[in-house]
Amino acid sequence: MHTLRRIAVGSAFKVGAALSALLFAVLGFFVVLLPGIFGASILGALLGERGGGGTFGLGFIGSLIAYVLGIVLYWILGGIISAVPSPSRRVMERASRSFGCSSAPHIKGKLSRSL
């Protein structure tokens, strides 16, 4: 068994960024993209011949832009938040040692990020 002693800041950034972007890509599809498409199509149907096609196009393009920007923002912010050392990390390590959890006893409180 190997003891994990250090996690590089760059590695923490990459993993946090990828997981955050993936999470937004999956959840954002249902929260941002689909409601934007269906809302635009309903609005286009309600307006009828008074510009319904343009309303649908604007709503679809707007929700698509919001979806892509959300993925990019979650990628950047997730990486930054993962790279910053968290004070709760030590609390979690102490709790896992004191309760004898089998999920993280091999860390032994020596987890530190190198600069």
N, C-alpha and C. Protein backbone atom coordinates (compact mmCIF):
# COMPACT_ATOMS: atom_id res chain seq x y z
N MET A 1 0.83 -1.16 0.00
CA MET A 1 0.00 0.00 0.00
C MET A 1 0.89 1.24 0.00
N HIS A 2 0.51 2.22 -0.83
CA HIS A 2 1.25 3.47 -0.91
C HIS A 2 0.59 4.52 -0.05
N THR A 3 1.42 5.35 0.59
CA THR A 3 0.90 6.44 1.39
C THR A 3 0.92 7.71 0.56
N LEU A 4 -0.21 8.36 0.50
CA LEU A 4 -0.32 9.60 -0.25
C LEU A 4 0.23 10.73 0.61
N ARG A 5 1.29 11.36 0.15
CA ARG A 5 1.92 12.41 0.94
C ARG A 5 1.66 13.81 0.39
N ARG A 6 1.60 13.97 -0.91
CA ARG A 6 1.43 15.29 -1.51
C ARG A 6 0.50 15.21 -2.71
N ILE A 7 -0.23 16.28 -2.87
CA ILE A 7 -1.03 16.46 -4.08
C ILE A 7 -0.59 17.79 -4.67
N ALA A 8 -0.10 17.76 -5.87
CA ALA A 8 0.35 19.00 -6.52
C ALA A 8 -0.84 19.91 -6.80
N VAL A 9 -0.61 21.19 -6.74
CA VAL A 9 -1.67 22.17 -6.96
C VAL A 9 -2.21 22.04 -8.39
N GLY A 10 -1.33 21.80 -9.34
CA GLY A 10 -1.76 21.64 -10.73
C GLY A 10 -2.67 20.44 -10.91
N SER A 11 -2.34 19.34 -10.24
CA SER A 11 -3.18 18.14 -10.33
C SER A 11 -4.54 18.38 -9.70
N ALA A 12 -4.56 19.05 -8.55
CA ALA A 12 -5.84 19.36 -7.90
C ALA A 12 -6.67 20.28 -8.79
N PHE A 13 -6.02 21.23 -9.46
CA PHE A 13 -6.73 22.13 -10.37
C PHE A 13 -7.35 21.36 -11.52
N LYS A 14 -6.57 20.46 -12.13
CA LYS A 14 -7.07 19.71 -13.29
C LYS A 14 -8.25 18.82 -12.93
N VAL A 15 -8.14 18.11 -11.82
CA VAL A 15 -9.21 17.20 -11.42
C VAL A 15 -10.46 17.99 -11.04
N GLY A 16 -10.30 19.05 -10.26
CA GLY A 16 -11.45 19.87 -9.87
C GLY A 16 -12.12 20.53 -11.06
N ALA A 17 -11.32 21.00 -11.99
CA ALA A 17 -11.86 21.65 -13.18
C ALA A 17 -12.64 20.66 -14.04
N ALA A 18 -12.09 19.49 -14.25
CA ALA A 18 -12.76 18.50 -15.08
C ALA A 18 -14.07 18.02 -14.45
N LEU A 19 -14.05 17.76 -13.15
CA LEU A 19 -15.26 17.30 -12.48
C LEU A 19 -16.34 18.37 -12.44
N SER A 20 -15.96 19.60 -12.19
CA SER A 20 -16.94 20.69 -12.16
C SER A 20 -17.56 20.93 -13.53
N ALA A 21 -16.73 20.94 -14.56
CA ALA A 21 -17.25 21.14 -15.91
C ALA A 21 -18.15 19.99 -16.34
N LEU A 22 -17.78 18.77 -15.99
CA LEU A 22 -18.62 17.62 -16.33
C LEU A 22 -19.94 17.68 -15.59
N LEU A 23 -19.91 18.07 -14.34
CA LEU A 23 -21.13 18.18 -13.56
C LEU A 23 -22.07 19.23 -14.17
N PHE A 24 -21.52 20.38 -14.55
CA PHE A 24 -22.38 21.40 -15.17
C PHE A 24 -22.86 20.96 -16.55
N ALA A 25 -22.02 20.23 -17.29
CA ALA A 25 -22.44 19.79 -18.62
C ALA A 25 -23.66 18.87 -18.53
N VAL A 26 -23.66 18.00 -17.54
CA VAL A 26 -24.78 17.06 -17.40
C VAL A 26 -26.00 17.78 -16.82
N LEU A 27 -25.83 18.46 -15.70
CA LEU A 27 -26.97 19.11 -15.05
C LEU A 27 -27.43 20.35 -15.81
N GLY A 28 -26.50 21.07 -16.41
CA GLY A 28 -26.85 22.26 -17.17
C GLY A 28 -27.67 21.96 -18.41
N PHE A 29 -27.52 20.76 -18.94
CA PHE A 29 -28.34 20.36 -20.09
C PHE A 29 -29.81 20.38 -19.72
N PHE A 30 -30.12 19.89 -18.52
CA PHE A 30 -31.51 19.82 -18.08
C PHE A 30 -32.00 21.14 -17.48
N VAL A 31 -31.09 21.94 -16.92
CA VAL A 31 -31.49 23.15 -16.23
C VAL A 31 -31.41 24.39 -17.13
N VAL A 32 -30.48 24.41 -18.07
CA VAL A 32 -30.28 25.60 -18.90
C VAL A 32 -30.74 25.36 -20.34
N LEU A 33 -30.25 24.32 -20.95
CA LEU A 33 -30.46 24.14 -22.39
C LEU A 33 -31.89 23.71 -22.74
N LEU A 34 -32.39 22.67 -22.12
CA LEU A 34 -33.74 22.21 -22.45
C LEU A 34 -34.83 23.23 -22.13
N PRO A 35 -34.82 23.85 -20.93
CA PRO A 35 -35.84 24.89 -20.70
C PRO A 35 -35.71 26.07 -21.66
N GLY A 36 -34.50 26.40 -22.06
CA GLY A 36 -34.32 27.49 -23.03
C GLY A 36 -34.92 27.15 -24.37
N ILE A 37 -34.73 25.91 -24.80
CA ILE A 37 -35.27 25.49 -26.10
C ILE A 37 -36.80 25.42 -26.05
N PHE A 38 -37.32 24.76 -25.00
CA PHE A 38 -38.78 24.62 -24.92
C PHE A 38 -39.47 25.95 -24.63
N GLY A 39 -38.85 26.77 -23.81
CA GLY A 39 -39.43 28.09 -23.55
C GLY A 39 -39.46 28.96 -24.79
N ALA A 40 -38.41 28.86 -25.59
CA ALA A 40 -38.37 29.64 -26.83
C ALA A 40 -39.39 29.14 -27.83
N SER A 41 -39.59 27.84 -27.90
CA SER A 41 -40.56 27.30 -28.85
C SER A 41 -41.99 27.64 -28.42
N ILE A 42 -42.27 27.64 -27.11
CA ILE A 42 -43.59 28.00 -26.64
C ILE A 42 -43.85 29.48 -26.90
N LEU A 43 -42.86 30.32 -26.63
CA LEU A 43 -43.00 31.75 -26.90
C LEU A 43 -43.18 32.00 -28.39
N GLY A 44 -42.45 31.28 -29.21
CA GLY A 44 -42.61 31.42 -30.66
C GLY A 44 -43.99 31.00 -31.12
N ALA A 45 -44.54 29.94 -30.51
CA ALA A 45 -45.88 29.50 -30.88
C ALA A 45 -46.94 30.51 -30.43
N LEU A 46 -46.73 31.13 -29.28
CA LEU A 46 -47.70 32.12 -28.79
C LEU A 46 -47.71 33.38 -29.64
N LEU A 47 -46.53 33.78 -30.12
CA LEU A 47 -46.47 35.00 -30.94
C LEU A 47 -46.97 34.76 -32.35
N GLY A 48 -46.93 33.53 -32.79
CA GLY A 48 -47.45 33.19 -34.12
C GLY A 48 -46.67 33.87 -35.22
N GLU A 49 -47.39 34.61 -36.08
CA GLU A 49 -46.76 35.24 -37.23
C GLU A 49 -46.13 36.59 -36.90
N ARG A 50 -46.19 37.01 -35.66
CA ARG A 50 -45.62 38.30 -35.28
C ARG A 50 -44.16 38.17 -34.86
N GLY A 51 -43.42 37.31 -35.46
CA GLY A 51 -41.99 37.18 -35.16
C GLY A 51 -41.67 35.94 -34.35
N GLY A 52 -42.47 34.91 -34.49
CA GLY A 52 -42.25 33.69 -33.72
C GLY A 52 -40.96 32.97 -34.08
N GLY A 53 -40.60 32.98 -35.35
CA GLY A 53 -39.38 32.30 -35.78
C GLY A 53 -38.13 32.97 -35.22
N GLY A 54 -38.13 34.29 -35.22
CA GLY A 54 -36.99 35.02 -34.68
C GLY A 54 -36.87 34.84 -33.17
N THR A 55 -38.00 34.74 -32.50
CA THR A 55 -37.99 34.53 -31.06
C THR A 55 -37.42 33.16 -30.73
N PHE A 56 -37.80 32.15 -31.52
CA PHE A 56 -37.26 30.82 -31.28
C PHE A 56 -35.75 30.79 -31.50
N GLY A 57 -35.29 31.43 -32.57
CA GLY A 57 -33.86 31.45 -32.85
C GLY A 57 -33.07 32.16 -31.77
N LEU A 58 -33.61 33.28 -31.30
CA LEU A 58 -32.93 34.04 -30.25
C LEU A 58 -32.90 33.26 -28.94
N GLY A 59 -34.00 32.60 -28.60
CA GLY A 59 -34.04 31.81 -27.37
C GLY A 59 -33.11 30.60 -27.43
N PHE A 60 -33.04 29.96 -28.57
CA PHE A 60 -32.18 28.79 -28.73
C PHE A 60 -30.71 29.21 -28.67
N ILE A 61 -30.35 30.25 -29.39
CA ILE A 61 -28.96 30.72 -29.40
C ILE A 61 -28.57 31.24 -28.02
N GLY A 62 -29.47 31.95 -27.36
CA GLY A 62 -29.19 32.48 -26.02
C GLY A 62 -28.96 31.37 -25.01
N SER A 63 -29.80 30.33 -25.04
CA SER A 63 -29.62 29.22 -24.09
C SER A 63 -28.37 28.42 -24.44
N LEU A 64 -28.03 28.31 -25.69
CA LEU A 64 -26.81 27.60 -26.08
C LEU A 64 -25.56 28.37 -25.61
N ILE A 65 -25.59 29.69 -25.75
CA ILE A 65 -24.47 30.51 -25.27
C ILE A 65 -24.35 30.42 -23.75
N ALA A 66 -25.48 30.48 -23.05
CA ALA A 66 -25.45 30.38 -21.58
C ALA A 66 -24.92 29.01 -21.14
N TYR A 67 -25.27 27.97 -21.88
CA TYR A 67 -24.81 26.61 -21.55
C TYR A 67 -23.29 26.50 -21.72
N VAL A 68 -22.76 26.99 -22.83
CA VAL A 68 -21.31 26.91 -23.08
C VAL A 68 -20.55 27.79 -22.10
N LEU A 69 -21.05 29.00 -21.83
CA LEU A 69 -20.39 29.88 -20.86
C LEU A 69 -20.43 29.27 -19.46
N GLY A 70 -21.51 28.60 -19.12
CA GLY A 70 -21.60 27.94 -17.82
C GLY A 70 -20.56 26.85 -17.67
N ILE A 71 -20.35 26.07 -18.71
CA ILE A 71 -19.33 25.01 -18.67
C ILE A 71 -17.95 25.62 -18.48
N VAL A 72 -17.66 26.68 -19.22
CA VAL A 72 -16.34 27.33 -19.10
C VAL A 72 -16.15 27.93 -17.71
N LEU A 73 -17.16 28.63 -17.20
CA LEU A 73 -17.05 29.23 -15.87
C LEU A 73 -16.91 28.18 -14.77
N TYR A 74 -17.67 27.09 -14.87
CA TYR A 74 -17.53 26.02 -13.89
C TYR A 74 -16.17 25.35 -13.99
N TRP A 75 -15.61 25.25 -15.18
CA TRP A 75 -14.28 24.67 -15.36
C TRP A 75 -13.24 25.53 -14.64
N ILE A 76 -13.31 26.84 -14.84
CA ILE A 76 -12.33 27.74 -14.22
C ILE A 76 -12.51 27.80 -12.71
N LEU A 77 -13.73 28.05 -12.25
CA LEU A 77 -13.97 28.18 -10.81
C LEU A 77 -13.76 26.87 -10.06
N GLY A 78 -14.15 25.75 -10.67
CA GLY A 78 -13.93 24.46 -10.03
C GLY A 78 -12.45 24.15 -9.87
N GLY A 79 -11.64 24.52 -10.84
CA GLY A 79 -10.21 24.32 -10.73
C GLY A 79 -9.58 25.19 -9.66
N ILE A 80 -10.01 26.45 -9.60
CA ILE A 80 -9.46 27.35 -8.58
C ILE A 80 -9.85 26.91 -7.18
N ILE A 81 -11.10 26.55 -7.00
CA ILE A 81 -11.56 26.13 -5.68
C ILE A 81 -10.87 24.83 -5.25
N SER A 82 -10.61 23.94 -6.18
CA SER A 82 -9.93 22.69 -5.85
C SER A 82 -8.45 22.91 -5.54
N ALA A 83 -7.85 23.92 -6.14
CA ALA A 83 -6.42 24.14 -5.95
C ALA A 83 -6.11 24.88 -4.64
N VAL A 84 -7.07 25.61 -4.12
CA VAL A 84 -6.86 26.36 -2.87
C VAL A 84 -6.99 25.38 -1.70
N PRO A 85 -5.99 25.35 -0.83
CA PRO A 85 -6.08 24.43 0.32
C PRO A 85 -7.25 24.79 1.22
N SER A 86 -8.00 23.79 1.59
CA SER A 86 -9.18 24.05 2.39
C SER A 86 -8.93 23.77 3.87
N PRO A 87 -9.42 24.64 4.74
CA PRO A 87 -9.24 24.40 6.17
C PRO A 87 -10.04 23.21 6.67
N SER A 88 -11.09 22.85 5.96
CA SER A 88 -11.90 21.71 6.40
C SER A 88 -11.19 20.38 6.14
N ARG A 89 -10.13 20.41 5.34
CA ARG A 89 -9.40 19.19 5.05
C ARG A 89 -8.83 18.57 6.33
N ARG A 90 -8.28 19.41 7.19
CA ARG A 90 -7.69 18.90 8.44
C ARG A 90 -8.76 18.37 9.37
N VAL A 91 -9.91 19.01 9.39
CA VAL A 91 -11.01 18.52 10.22
C VAL A 91 -11.46 17.15 9.74
N MET A 92 -11.55 16.98 8.42
CA MET A 92 -11.95 15.68 7.88
C MET A 92 -10.91 14.61 8.18
N GLU A 93 -9.64 14.96 8.09
CA GLU A 93 -8.59 13.98 8.38
C GLU A 93 -8.62 13.56 9.84
N ARG A 94 -8.81 14.51 10.75
CA ARG A 94 -8.88 14.18 12.18
C ARG A 94 -10.11 13.34 12.48
N ALA A 95 -11.22 13.67 11.85
CA ALA A 95 -12.43 12.90 12.08
C ALA A 95 -12.28 11.47 11.57
N SER A 96 -11.64 11.30 10.43
CA SER A 96 -11.47 9.95 9.90
C SER A 96 -10.53 9.13 10.77
N ARG A 97 -9.52 9.77 11.35
CA ARG A 97 -8.62 9.05 12.25
C ARG A 97 -9.30 8.71 13.57
N SER A 98 -10.07 9.66 14.10
CA SER A 98 -10.66 9.42 15.42
C SER A 98 -11.78 8.40 15.37
N PHE A 99 -12.50 8.33 14.27
CA PHE A 99 -13.57 7.35 14.16
C PHE A 99 -13.11 6.05 13.54
N GLY A 100 -11.88 6.00 13.10
CA GLY A 100 -11.33 4.77 12.54
C GLY A 100 -11.97 4.38 11.22
N CYS A 101 -12.28 5.36 10.41
CA CYS A 101 -12.90 5.08 9.12
C CYS A 101 -11.92 4.33 8.22
N SER A 102 -12.44 3.36 7.50
CA SER A 102 -11.57 2.59 6.62
C SER A 102 -11.36 3.27 5.29
N SER A 103 -12.08 4.39 5.04
CA SER A 103 -11.95 5.03 3.73
C SER A 103 -10.69 5.86 3.60
N ALA A 104 -10.14 6.38 4.71
CA ALA A 104 -8.96 7.23 4.59
C ALA A 104 -7.95 7.05 5.71
N PRO A 105 -7.75 5.86 6.27
CA PRO A 105 -6.75 5.77 7.34
C PRO A 105 -5.32 5.78 6.83
N HIS A 106 -5.11 5.49 5.54
CA HIS A 106 -3.75 5.45 5.01
C HIS A 106 -3.18 6.84 4.78
N ILE A 107 -4.01 7.88 4.85
CA ILE A 107 -3.51 9.24 4.65
C ILE A 107 -2.75 9.71 5.88
N LYS A 108 -3.23 9.41 7.05
CA LYS A 108 -2.58 9.68 8.33
C LYS A 108 -2.25 11.15 8.53
N GLY A 109 -3.07 12.04 8.04
CA GLY A 109 -2.90 13.46 8.33
C GLY A 109 -1.71 14.10 7.66
N LYS A 110 -1.08 13.46 6.69
CA LYS A 110 0.11 14.02 6.07
C LYS A 110 -0.17 14.50 4.65
N LEU A 111 -1.40 14.75 4.38
CA LEU A 111 -1.78 15.21 3.05
C LEU A 111 -1.50 16.70 2.96
N SER A 112 -0.58 17.09 2.12
CA SER A 112 -0.29 18.51 1.94
C SER A 112 -0.06 18.78 0.46
N ARG A 113 -0.37 19.95 0.06
CA ARG A 113 -0.18 20.31 -1.35
C ARG A 113 1.17 20.99 -1.51
N SER A 114 1.89 20.59 -2.51
CA SER A 114 3.19 21.22 -2.77
C SER A 114 2.99 22.40 -3.71
N LEU A 115 3.83 23.38 -3.59
CA LEU A 115 3.72 24.57 -4.44
C LEU A 115 4.51 24.45 -5.67
